[in-house]
Amino acid sequence: MRLAVHHSTRYRFAAPVSHGLQRLRLTPKSTQGQEILEWTMRYEGAREELVYEDQNFNTVVLISVDEGAEQVVVSCEGLVNTEDKAGLIGHHSGHMPLWAFLGETPLTKAGPKIKQLISSVERSENGMVETLHNLSSAIRDQVKYETGTTQVDTTAEEAVIAGSGVCQDHAHIFIAAARSLDIPARYVSGYLMMDDRIHQEATHAWAEAHVQNLGWVGFDISNGISPDPRYVRVATGRDYHDAAPITGISFGATAEDLTVNLAVEQQTPEQ
């Protein structure tokens, strides 16, 4: 499947910025089942300072905010070819050792509620992948998808207690539970083309677990499936903080307003 992605993020500051740095993880990965045909990034009110590859093989772009800027616009667009690999990414790569994805982070610490959830999951005779799908289903049943009930710093345990959250929370809960079962797990941020629309509400998040003899396998807990050709992998990490699309700091502004526009659509070979 050939997907066209158009993604822009606009920050409006309440006062001119004297200094600011933004770390961008917005460039899709070239991995099994995904080929980047073209990708460009443009900036208004900022300039590119450095491009590097982090410990998770994420492409990171560091930009500095122009002095006196009252807004910054980051625009990305490109074409990505995707294949249906049933969520299978395969062997582990990156500078992070596999055991690093077994350790807890503040966002993925398994508390009593997550351990209770784990105990309710049916262990499948068909193998670990089916058991992990059962885990995904249990999370979706107990934590309904609802926007506005959690924040970027909400922990997996807090989301289970609240009984609601978004894709980020579902991924964190899955990761916390998988690691408690001694299964390496990681967070994935990226794009998803919804079948009923071109303009998407936001970027998407899911999880991957490392299964013996298979390698990394993806699980979109919020939608109850493994990623298919509608998904574009952008960044991975131990939790949201490692894979966040945009992070940074600014000085001289008291507040900021964020507007995101995202369109993902399938293209025919003629387009």
C-alpha atoms as a PDB file:
ATOM      1  CA  MET A   1       0.000   0.000   0.000  1.00  0.00           C
ATOM      2  CA  ARG A   2       1.280   3.449  -0.899  1.00  0.00           C
ATOM      3  CA  LEU A   3       0.436   6.028   1.767  1.00  0.00           C
ATOM      4  CA  ALA A   4       0.751   9.802   1.507  1.00  0.00           C
ATOM      5  CA  VAL A   5       1.250  11.587   4.828  1.00  0.00           C
ATOM      6  CA  HIS A   6       0.817  15.307   5.494  1.00  0.00           C
ATOM      7  CA  HIS A   7       1.460  16.357   9.100  1.00  0.00           C
ATOM      8  CA  SER A   8       1.793  19.864  10.525  1.00  0.00           C
ATOM      9  CA  THR A   9       2.148  21.057  14.113  1.00  0.00           C
ATOM     10  CA  ARG A  10       1.731  24.716  15.065  1.00  0.00           C
ATOM     11  CA  TYR A  11       2.815  26.167  18.418  1.00  0.00           C
ATOM     12  CA  ARG A  12       1.542  29.628  19.299  1.00  0.00           C
ATOM     13  CA  PHE A  13       3.274  31.279  22.246  1.00  0.00           C
ATOM     14  CA  ALA A  14       1.664  33.837  24.518  1.00  0.00           C
ATOM     15  CA  ALA A  15       4.829  35.964  24.351  1.00  0.00           C
ATOM     16  CA  PRO A  16       7.902  36.078  22.103  1.00  0.00           C
ATOM     17  CA  VAL A  17      10.375  33.280  22.796  1.00  0.00           C
ATOM     18  CA  SER A  18      13.904  34.264  23.757  1.00  0.00           C
ATOM     19  CA  HIS A  19      15.283  30.753  23.302  1.00  0.00           C
ATOM     20  CA  GLY A  20      13.854  27.338  22.516  1.00  0.00           C
ATOM     21  CA  LEU A  21      14.875  23.854  21.424  1.00  0.00           C
ATOM     22  CA  GLN A  22      12.619  21.151  19.989  1.00  0.00           C
ATOM     23  CA  ARG A  23      13.465  17.490  19.512  1.00  0.00           C
ATOM     24  CA  LEU A  24      11.505  15.959  16.612  1.00  0.00           C
ATOM     25  CA  ARG A  25      10.901  12.246  16.027  1.00  0.00           C
ATOM     26  CA  LEU A  26       8.777  12.571  12.916  1.00  0.00           C
ATOM     27  CA  THR A  27      10.710  10.634  10.266  1.00  0.00           C
ATOM     28  CA  PRO A  28       9.331   7.144   9.531  1.00  0.00           C
ATOM     29  CA  LYS A  29      11.631   4.141   9.909  1.00  0.00           C
ATOM     30  CA  SER A  30      12.813   1.938   7.071  1.00  0.00           C
ATOM     31  CA  THR A  31      11.947  -1.490   8.473  1.00  0.00           C
ATOM     32  CA  GLN A  32      10.535  -4.820   7.367  1.00  0.00           C
ATOM     33  CA  GLY A  33       7.318  -4.153   5.498  1.00  0.00           C
ATOM     34  CA  GLN A  34       7.911  -0.405   5.234  1.00  0.00           C
ATOM     35  CA  GLU A  35       9.846   1.581   2.615  1.00  0.00           C
ATOM     36  CA  ILE A  36      10.218   5.362   2.742  1.00  0.00           C
ATOM     37  CA  LEU A  37       9.905   6.699  -0.818  1.00  0.00           C
ATOM     38  CA  GLU A  38      10.281  10.364   0.096  1.00  0.00           C
ATOM     39  CA  TRP A  39      10.091  12.498   3.220  1.00  0.00           C
ATOM     40  CA  THR A  40      10.577  16.245   3.682  1.00  0.00           C
ATOM     41  CA  MET A  41      10.353  18.550   6.690  1.00  0.00           C
ATOM     42  CA  ARG A  42       9.895  22.327   6.753  1.00  0.00           C
ATOM     43  CA  TYR A  43       9.971  24.854   9.582  1.00  0.00           C
ATOM     44  CA  GLU A  44       8.559  28.312  10.222  1.00  0.00           C
ATOM     45  CA  GLY A  45       9.963  30.274  13.143  1.00  0.00           C
ATOM     46  CA  ALA A  46      12.731  27.715  13.670  1.00  0.00           C
ATOM     47  CA  ARG A  47      15.791  26.256  11.969  1.00  0.00           C
ATOM     48  CA  GLU A  48      17.351  22.820  11.834  1.00  0.00           C
ATOM     49  CA  GLU A  49      20.490  22.405  13.936  1.00  0.00           C
ATOM     50  CA  LEU A  50      21.286  18.684  13.981  1.00  0.00           C
ATOM     51  CA  VAL A  51      20.048  15.309  12.715  1.00  0.00           C
ATOM     52  CA  TYR A  52      21.088  12.113  14.466  1.00  0.00           C
ATOM     53  CA  GLU A  53      20.019   8.546  15.181  1.00  0.00           C
ATOM     54  CA  ASP A  54      19.190   7.759  18.802  1.00  0.00           C
ATOM     55  CA  GLN A  55      19.598   4.541  20.775  1.00  0.00           C
ATOM     56  CA  ASN A  56      16.374   3.118  19.312  1.00  0.00           C
ATOM     57  CA  PHE A  57      17.331   3.813  15.679  1.00  0.00           C
ATOM     58  CA  ASN A  58      14.876   6.730  15.632  1.00  0.00           C
ATOM     59  CA  THR A  59      15.784   9.640  13.365  1.00  0.00           C
ATOM     60  CA  VAL A  60      15.889  12.717  15.600  1.00  0.00           C
ATOM     61  CA  VAL A  61      15.942  16.285  14.300  1.00  0.00           C
ATOM     62  CA  LEU A  62      16.957  19.046  16.702  1.00  0.00           C
ATOM     63  CA  ILE A  63      15.632  22.507  15.832  1.00  0.00           C
ATOM     64  CA  SER A  64      16.139  25.839  17.543  1.00  0.00           C
ATOM     65  CA  VAL A  65      13.358  28.404  17.818  1.00  0.00           C
ATOM     66  CA  ASP A  66      14.118  31.779  16.283  1.00  0.00           C
ATOM     67  CA  GLU A  67      14.610  34.506  18.865  1.00  0.00           C
ATOM     68  CA  GLY A  68      11.454  36.573  19.201  1.00  0.00           C
ATOM     69  CA  ALA A  69       9.254  33.966  17.483  1.00  0.00           C
ATOM     70  CA  GLU A  70       5.608  33.977  18.507  1.00  0.00           C
ATOM     71  CA  GLN A  71       4.812  30.730  16.729  1.00  0.00           C
ATOM     72  CA  VAL A  72       6.568  27.695  15.303  1.00  0.00           C
ATOM     73  CA  VAL A  73       5.241  25.483  12.527  1.00  0.00           C
ATOM     74  CA  VAL A  74       6.724  22.053  11.794  1.00  0.00           C
ATOM     75  CA  SER A  75       5.465  20.483   8.554  1.00  0.00           C
ATOM     76  CA  CYS A  76       6.218  16.965   7.304  1.00  0.00           C
ATOM     77  CA  GLU A  77       5.081  15.176   4.196  1.00  0.00           C
ATOM     78  CA  GLY A  78       6.071  12.130   2.256  1.00  0.00           C
ATOM     79  CA  LEU A  79       5.244   8.798   0.659  1.00  0.00           C
ATOM     80  CA  VAL A  80       5.601   5.403   2.326  1.00  0.00           C
ATOM     81  CA  ASN A  81       5.171   1.930   0.850  1.00  0.00           C
ATOM     82  CA  THR A  82       3.807  -0.616   3.317  1.00  0.00           C
ATOM     83  CA  GLU A  83       3.230  -4.376   3.190  1.00  0.00           C
ATOM     84  CA  ASP A  84       1.069  -6.703   5.263  1.00  0.00           C
ATOM     85  CA  LYS A  85       3.414  -8.585   7.602  1.00  0.00           C
ATOM     86  CA  ALA A  86       0.711  -9.363  10.204  1.00  0.00           C
ATOM     87  CA  GLY A  87       2.487  -7.028  12.601  1.00  0.00           C
ATOM     88  CA  LEU A  88       5.775  -8.943  12.389  1.00  0.00           C
ATOM     89  CA  ILE A  89       8.856  -6.711  12.490  1.00  0.00           C
ATOM     90  CA  GLY A  90      11.340  -9.513  13.140  1.00  0.00           C
ATOM     91  CA  HIS A  91      14.775  -9.570  14.722  1.00  0.00           C
ATOM     92  CA  HIS A  92      15.894  -7.008  17.271  1.00  0.00           C
ATOM     93  CA  SER A  93      18.085  -4.113  16.143  1.00  0.00           C
ATOM     94  CA  GLY A  94      19.174  -0.830  17.640  1.00  0.00           C
ATOM     95  CA  HIS A  95      21.759   0.186  20.186  1.00  0.00           C
ATOM     96  CA  MET A  96      19.518  -0.778  23.115  1.00  0.00           C
ATOM     97  CA  PRO A  97      19.983  -4.394  24.268  1.00  0.00           C
ATOM     98  CA  LEU A  98      16.877  -6.547  24.329  1.00  0.00           C
ATOM     99  CA  TRP A  99      16.941  -6.858  28.117  1.00  0.00           C
ATOM    100  CA  ALA A 100      16.466  -3.070  28.388  1.00  0.00           C
ATOM    101  CA  PHE A 101      12.848  -3.611  27.282  1.00  0.00           C
ATOM    102  CA  LEU A 102      12.155  -5.786  30.333  1.00  0.00           C
ATOM    103  CA  GLY A 103      12.725  -3.055  32.904  1.00  0.00           C
ATOM    104  CA  GLU A 104      10.011  -0.833  34.336  1.00  0.00           C
ATOM    105  CA  THR A 105       9.842   2.884  33.626  1.00  0.00           C
ATOM    106  CA  PRO A 106       7.796   5.373  35.655  1.00  0.00           C
ATOM    107  CA  LEU A 107       5.048   5.234  33.001  1.00  0.00           C
ATOM    108  CA  THR A 108       5.018   1.432  32.725  1.00  0.00           C
ATOM    109  CA  LYS A 109       5.324   0.264  36.333  1.00  0.00           C
ATOM    110  CA  ALA A 110       2.912  -2.597  37.045  1.00  0.00           C
ATOM    111  CA  GLY A 111       0.924  -1.953  40.203  1.00  0.00           C
ATOM    112  CA  PRO A 112      -1.788  -4.040  41.891  1.00  0.00           C
ATOM    113  CA  LYS A 113      -4.458  -3.246  39.263  1.00  0.00           C
ATOM    114  CA  ILE A 114      -2.265  -4.289  36.353  1.00  0.00           C
ATOM    115  CA  LYS A 115      -1.237  -7.472  38.163  1.00  0.00           C
ATOM    116  CA  GLN A 116      -4.914  -8.193  38.745  1.00  0.00           C
ATOM    117  CA  LEU A 117      -5.555  -7.650  35.036  1.00  0.00           C
ATOM    118  CA  ILE A 118      -2.720 -10.056  34.154  1.00  0.00           C
ATOM    119  CA  SER A 119      -4.251 -12.775  36.309  1.00  0.00           C
ATOM    120  CA  SER A 120      -7.502 -12.526  34.335  1.00  0.00           C
ATOM    121  CA  VAL A 121      -5.824 -13.164  30.954  1.00  0.00           C
ATOM    122  CA  GLU A 122      -6.374 -16.580  29.428  1.00  0.00           C
ATOM    123  CA  ARG A 123      -3.152 -18.394  28.527  1.00  0.00           C
ATOM    124  CA  SER A 124      -3.649 -19.814  25.053  1.00  0.00           C
ATOM    125  CA  GLU A 125      -2.570 -23.298  24.012  1.00  0.00           C
ATOM    126  CA  ASN A 126      -1.816 -21.815  20.579  1.00  0.00           C
ATOM    127  CA  GLY A 127       1.250 -19.967  21.809  1.00  0.00           C
ATOM    128  CA  MET A 128       2.430 -16.620  23.123  1.00  0.00           C
ATOM    129  CA  VAL A 129       1.087 -14.485  20.259  1.00  0.00           C
ATOM    130  CA  GLU A 130      -2.461 -15.633  20.948  1.00  0.00           C
ATOM    131  CA  THR A 131      -1.967 -15.055  24.683  1.00  0.00           C
ATOM    132  CA  LEU A 132      -0.777 -11.517  23.970  1.00  0.00           C
ATOM    133  CA  HIS A 133      -3.874 -10.931  21.831  1.00  0.00           C
ATOM    134  CA  ASN A 134      -5.905 -12.102  24.845  1.00  0.00           C
ATOM    135  CA  LEU A 135      -4.009  -9.545  26.953  1.00  0.00           C
ATOM    136  CA  SER A 136      -4.804  -6.846  24.406  1.00  0.00           C
ATOM    137  CA  SER A 137      -8.492  -7.778  24.514  1.00  0.00           C
ATOM    138  CA  ALA A 138      -8.553  -7.736  28.331  1.00  0.00           C
ATOM    139  CA  ILE A 139      -7.036  -4.237  28.368  1.00  0.00           C
ATOM    140  CA  ARG A 140      -9.567  -2.980  25.841  1.00  0.00           C
ATOM    141  CA  ASP A 141     -12.420  -4.454  27.887  1.00  0.00           C
ATOM    142  CA  GLN A 142     -11.268  -2.888  31.160  1.00  0.00           C
ATOM    143  CA  VAL A 143      -9.953   0.463  29.884  1.00  0.00           C
ATOM    144  CA  LYS A 144     -12.332   2.028  27.387  1.00  0.00           C
ATOM    145  CA  TYR A 145     -11.016   4.405  24.762  1.00  0.00           C
ATOM    146  CA  GLU A 146     -11.996   7.917  25.827  1.00  0.00           C
ATOM    147  CA  THR A 147     -10.194  11.188  25.109  1.00  0.00           C
ATOM    148  CA  GLY A 148      -9.725  13.883  27.729  1.00  0.00           C
ATOM    149  CA  THR A 149      -9.455  11.554  30.715  1.00  0.00           C
ATOM    150  CA  THR A 150      -5.654  11.141  30.794  1.00  0.00           C
ATOM    151  CA  GLN A 151      -2.543  13.216  30.121  1.00  0.00           C
ATOM    152  CA  VAL A 152       0.853  12.473  28.541  1.00  0.00           C
ATOM    153  CA  ASP A 153       2.268  11.770  32.011  1.00  0.00           C
ATOM    154  CA  THR A 154      -0.539   9.418  33.107  1.00  0.00           C
ATOM    155  CA  THR A 155       0.942   6.090  34.185  1.00  0.00           C
ATOM    156  CA  ALA A 156      -0.283   2.683  33.062  1.00  0.00           C
ATOM    157  CA  GLU A 157      -1.527   1.891  36.573  1.00  0.00           C
ATOM    158  CA  GLU A 158      -3.426   5.194  36.805  1.00  0.00           C
ATOM    159  CA  ALA A 159      -5.151   4.511  33.480  1.00  0.00           C
ATOM    160  CA  VAL A 160      -6.305   1.067  34.639  1.00  0.00           C
ATOM    161  CA  ILE A 161      -7.643   2.566  37.858  1.00  0.00           C
ATOM    162  CA  ALA A 162      -9.470   5.278  35.887  1.00  0.00           C
ATOM    163  CA  GLY A 163     -10.905   2.677  33.510  1.00  0.00           C
ATOM    164  CA  SER A 164     -10.386   4.913  30.473  1.00  0.00           C
ATOM    165  CA  GLY A 165      -7.657   6.360  28.314  1.00  0.00           C
ATOM    166  CA  VAL A 166      -6.319   6.680  24.793  1.00  0.00           C
ATOM    167  CA  CYS A 167      -3.943   4.677  22.596  1.00  0.00           C
ATOM    168  CA  GLN A 168      -0.910   5.867  24.572  1.00  0.00           C
ATOM    169  CA  ASP A 169      -2.416   4.486  27.781  1.00  0.00           C
ATOM    170  CA  HIS A 170      -3.407   1.191  26.159  1.00  0.00           C
ATOM    171  CA  ALA A 171       0.156   0.764  24.899  1.00  0.00           C
ATOM    172  CA  HIS A 172       1.662   1.535  28.311  1.00  0.00           C
ATOM    173  CA  ILE A 173      -0.633  -0.944  30.063  1.00  0.00           C
ATOM    174  CA  PHE A 174       0.222  -3.667  27.540  1.00  0.00           C
ATOM    175  CA  ILE A 175       3.942  -2.962  27.942  1.00  0.00           C
ATOM    176  CA  ALA A 176       3.732  -3.045  31.742  1.00  0.00           C
ATOM    177  CA  ALA A 177       1.826  -6.332  31.683  1.00  0.00           C
ATOM    178  CA  ALA A 178       4.104  -7.974  29.096  1.00  0.00           C
ATOM    179  CA  ARG A 179       7.238  -7.032  31.012  1.00  0.00           C
ATOM    180  CA  SER A 180       5.697  -8.481  34.168  1.00  0.00           C
ATOM    181  CA  LEU A 181       5.442 -11.744  32.212  1.00  0.00           C
ATOM    182  CA  ASP A 182       9.168 -11.475  31.310  1.00  0.00           C
ATOM    183  CA  ILE A 183       8.379 -10.530  27.714  1.00  0.00           C
ATOM    184  CA  PRO A 184      10.357  -7.584  26.294  1.00  0.00           C
ATOM    185  CA  ALA A 185       7.955  -4.889  25.112  1.00  0.00           C
ATOM    186  CA  ARG A 186       8.255  -1.426  23.614  1.00  0.00           C
ATOM    187  CA  TYR A 187       6.206   1.618  22.646  1.00  0.00           C
ATOM    188  CA  VAL A 188       5.596   2.625  19.016  1.00  0.00           C
ATOM    189  CA  SER A 189       4.450   5.998  17.715  1.00  0.00           C
ATOM    190  CA  GLY A 190       3.321   6.502  14.147  1.00  0.00           C
ATOM    191  CA  TYR A 191       0.491   7.086  11.727  1.00  0.00           C
ATOM    192  CA  LEU A 192      -2.691   5.142  11.033  1.00  0.00           C
ATOM    193  CA  MET A 193      -4.937   5.628   8.027  1.00  0.00           C
ATOM    194  CA  MET A 194      -8.499   5.193   9.253  1.00  0.00           C
ATOM    195  CA  ASP A 195     -10.729   3.655   6.583  1.00  0.00           C
ATOM    196  CA  ASP A 196     -13.509   6.215   6.930  1.00  0.00           C
ATOM    197  CA  ARG A 197     -11.466   9.413   6.709  1.00  0.00           C
ATOM    198  CA  ILE A 198      -8.365  11.097   5.312  1.00  0.00           C
ATOM    199  CA  HIS A 199      -7.916  13.710   8.037  1.00  0.00           C
ATOM    200  CA  GLN A 200      -6.897  12.020  11.285  1.00  0.00           C
ATOM    201  CA  GLU A 201      -7.376  13.388  14.781  1.00  0.00           C
ATOM    202  CA  ALA A 202      -3.819  12.701  15.938  1.00  0.00           C
ATOM    203  CA  THR A 203      -0.804  10.469  15.582  1.00  0.00           C
ATOM    204  CA  HIS A 204      -1.272   6.908  16.788  1.00  0.00           C
ATOM    205  CA  ALA A 205       0.466   4.655  19.308  1.00  0.00           C
ATOM    206  CA  TRP A 206       0.677   0.902  19.776  1.00  0.00           C
ATOM    207  CA  ALA A 207       3.023  -1.668  21.313  1.00  0.00           C
ATOM    208  CA  GLU A 208       5.391  -4.396  20.207  1.00  0.00           C
ATOM    209  CA  ALA A 209       6.379  -7.526  22.126  1.00  0.00           C
ATOM    210  CA  HIS A 210       9.439  -9.675  21.448  1.00  0.00           C
ATOM    211  CA  VAL A 211       8.261 -13.250  20.993  1.00  0.00           C
ATOM    212  CA  GLN A 212      10.701 -16.153  20.913  1.00  0.00           C
ATOM    213  CA  ASN A 213      11.406 -17.449  17.371  1.00  0.00           C
ATOM    214  CA  LEU A 214       9.467 -14.546  15.837  1.00  0.00           C
ATOM    215  CA  GLY A 215      11.100 -11.348  17.072  1.00  0.00           C
ATOM    216  CA  TRP A 216       9.130  -8.133  17.468  1.00  0.00           C
ATOM    217  CA  VAL A 217       5.370  -8.418  16.899  1.00  0.00           C
ATOM    218  CA  GLY A 218       3.004  -5.434  16.909  1.00  0.00           C
ATOM    219  CA  PHE A 219      -0.259  -5.112  18.851  1.00  0.00           C
ATOM    220  CA  ASP A 220      -2.651  -2.197  18.422  1.00  0.00           C
ATOM    221  CA  ILE A 221      -4.574  -2.548  21.650  1.00  0.00           C
ATOM    222  CA  SER A 222      -7.009   0.291  20.942  1.00  0.00           C
ATOM    223  CA  ASN A 223      -8.221  -1.350  17.714  1.00  0.00           C
ATOM    224  CA  GLY A 224      -7.753  -4.975  18.724  1.00  0.00           C
ATOM    225  CA  ILE A 225      -5.523  -5.964  15.792  1.00  0.00           C
ATOM    226  CA  SER A 226      -1.915  -6.328  14.762  1.00  0.00           C
ATOM    227  CA  PRO A 227      -0.694  -3.460  12.553  1.00  0.00           C
ATOM    228  CA  ASP A 228      -1.452  -3.889   8.857  1.00  0.00           C
ATOM    229  CA  PRO A 229      -0.495  -1.852   5.739  1.00  0.00           C
ATOM    230  CA  ARG A 230      -2.479   1.166   7.008  1.00  0.00           C
ATOM    231  CA  TYR A 231       0.167   1.733   9.717  1.00  0.00           C
ATOM    232  CA  VAL A 232       3.381   3.738   9.417  1.00  0.00           C
ATOM    233  CA  ARG A 233       6.017   3.149  12.119  1.00  0.00           C
ATOM    234  CA  VAL A 234       7.857   6.342  13.078  1.00  0.00           C
ATOM    235  CA  ALA A 235       9.602   5.940  16.452  1.00  0.00           C
ATOM    236  CA  THR A 236      10.047   3.300  19.149  1.00  0.00           C
ATOM    237  CA  GLY A 237      11.245   3.266  22.739  1.00  0.00           C
ATOM    238  CA  ARG A 238      10.745   1.974  26.238  1.00  0.00           C
ATOM    239  CA  ASP A 239       7.714   4.268  26.677  1.00  0.00           C
ATOM    240  CA  TYR A 240       6.147   7.460  25.306  1.00  0.00           C
ATOM    241  CA  HIS A 241       9.058   9.655  26.372  1.00  0.00           C
ATOM    242  CA  ASP A 242      11.466   7.733  24.107  1.00  0.00           C
ATOM    243  CA  ALA A 243       9.178   7.982  21.076  1.00  0.00           C
ATOM    244  CA  ALA A 244       7.310  11.274  21.537  1.00  0.00           C
ATOM    245  CA  PRO A 245       6.892  13.090  18.186  1.00  0.00           C
ATOM    246  CA  ILE A 246       7.894  16.486  19.596  1.00  0.00           C
ATOM    247  CA  THR A 247       9.538  17.378  22.892  1.00  0.00           C
ATOM    248  CA  GLY A 248      11.447  20.457  23.942  1.00  0.00           C
ATOM    249  CA  ILE A 249      11.840  23.540  26.049  1.00  0.00           C
ATOM    250  CA  SER A 250      11.341  27.260  25.505  1.00  0.00           C
ATOM    251  CA  PHE A 251      12.109  30.403  27.455  1.00  0.00           C
ATOM    252  CA  GLY A 252      10.340  33.733  27.405  1.00  0.00           C
ATOM    253  CA  ALA A 253       6.817  32.389  26.803  1.00  0.00           C
ATOM    254  CA  THR A 254       4.216  32.004  29.527  1.00  0.00           C
ATOM    255  CA  ALA A 255       1.897  29.646  27.657  1.00  0.00           C
ATOM    256  CA  GLU A 256       1.445  27.977  24.300  1.00  0.00           C
ATOM    257  CA  ASP A 257      -1.370  26.724  22.099  1.00  0.00           C
ATOM    258  CA  LEU A 258      -0.947  23.590  19.999  1.00  0.00           C
ATOM    259  CA  THR A 259      -2.717  22.808  16.720  1.00  0.00           C
ATOM    260  CA  VAL A 260      -2.135  19.573  14.805  1.00  0.00           C
ATOM    261  CA  ASN A 261      -3.287  18.783  11.267  1.00  0.00           C
ATOM    262  CA  LEU A 262      -2.753  15.265   9.974  1.00  0.00           C
ATOM    263  CA  ALA A 263      -3.865  13.606   6.750  1.00  0.00           C
ATOM    264  CA  VAL A 264      -3.060  10.022   5.725  1.00  0.00           C
ATOM    265  CA  GLU A 265      -4.425   8.649   2.467  1.00  0.00           C
ATOM    266  CA  GLN A 266      -3.794   5.809   0.055  1.00  0.00           C
ATOM    267  CA  GLN A 267      -2.406   6.678  -3.336  1.00  0.00           C
ATOM    268  CA  THR A 268      -2.642   4.753  -6.565  1.00  0.00           C
ATOM    269  CA  PRO A 269       0.568   4.111  -8.561  1.00  0.00           C
ATOM    270  CA  GLU A 270      -0.547   6.791 -11.057  1.00  0.00           C
ATOM    271  CA  GLN A 271      -0.687   9.534  -8.424  1.00  0.00           C
END
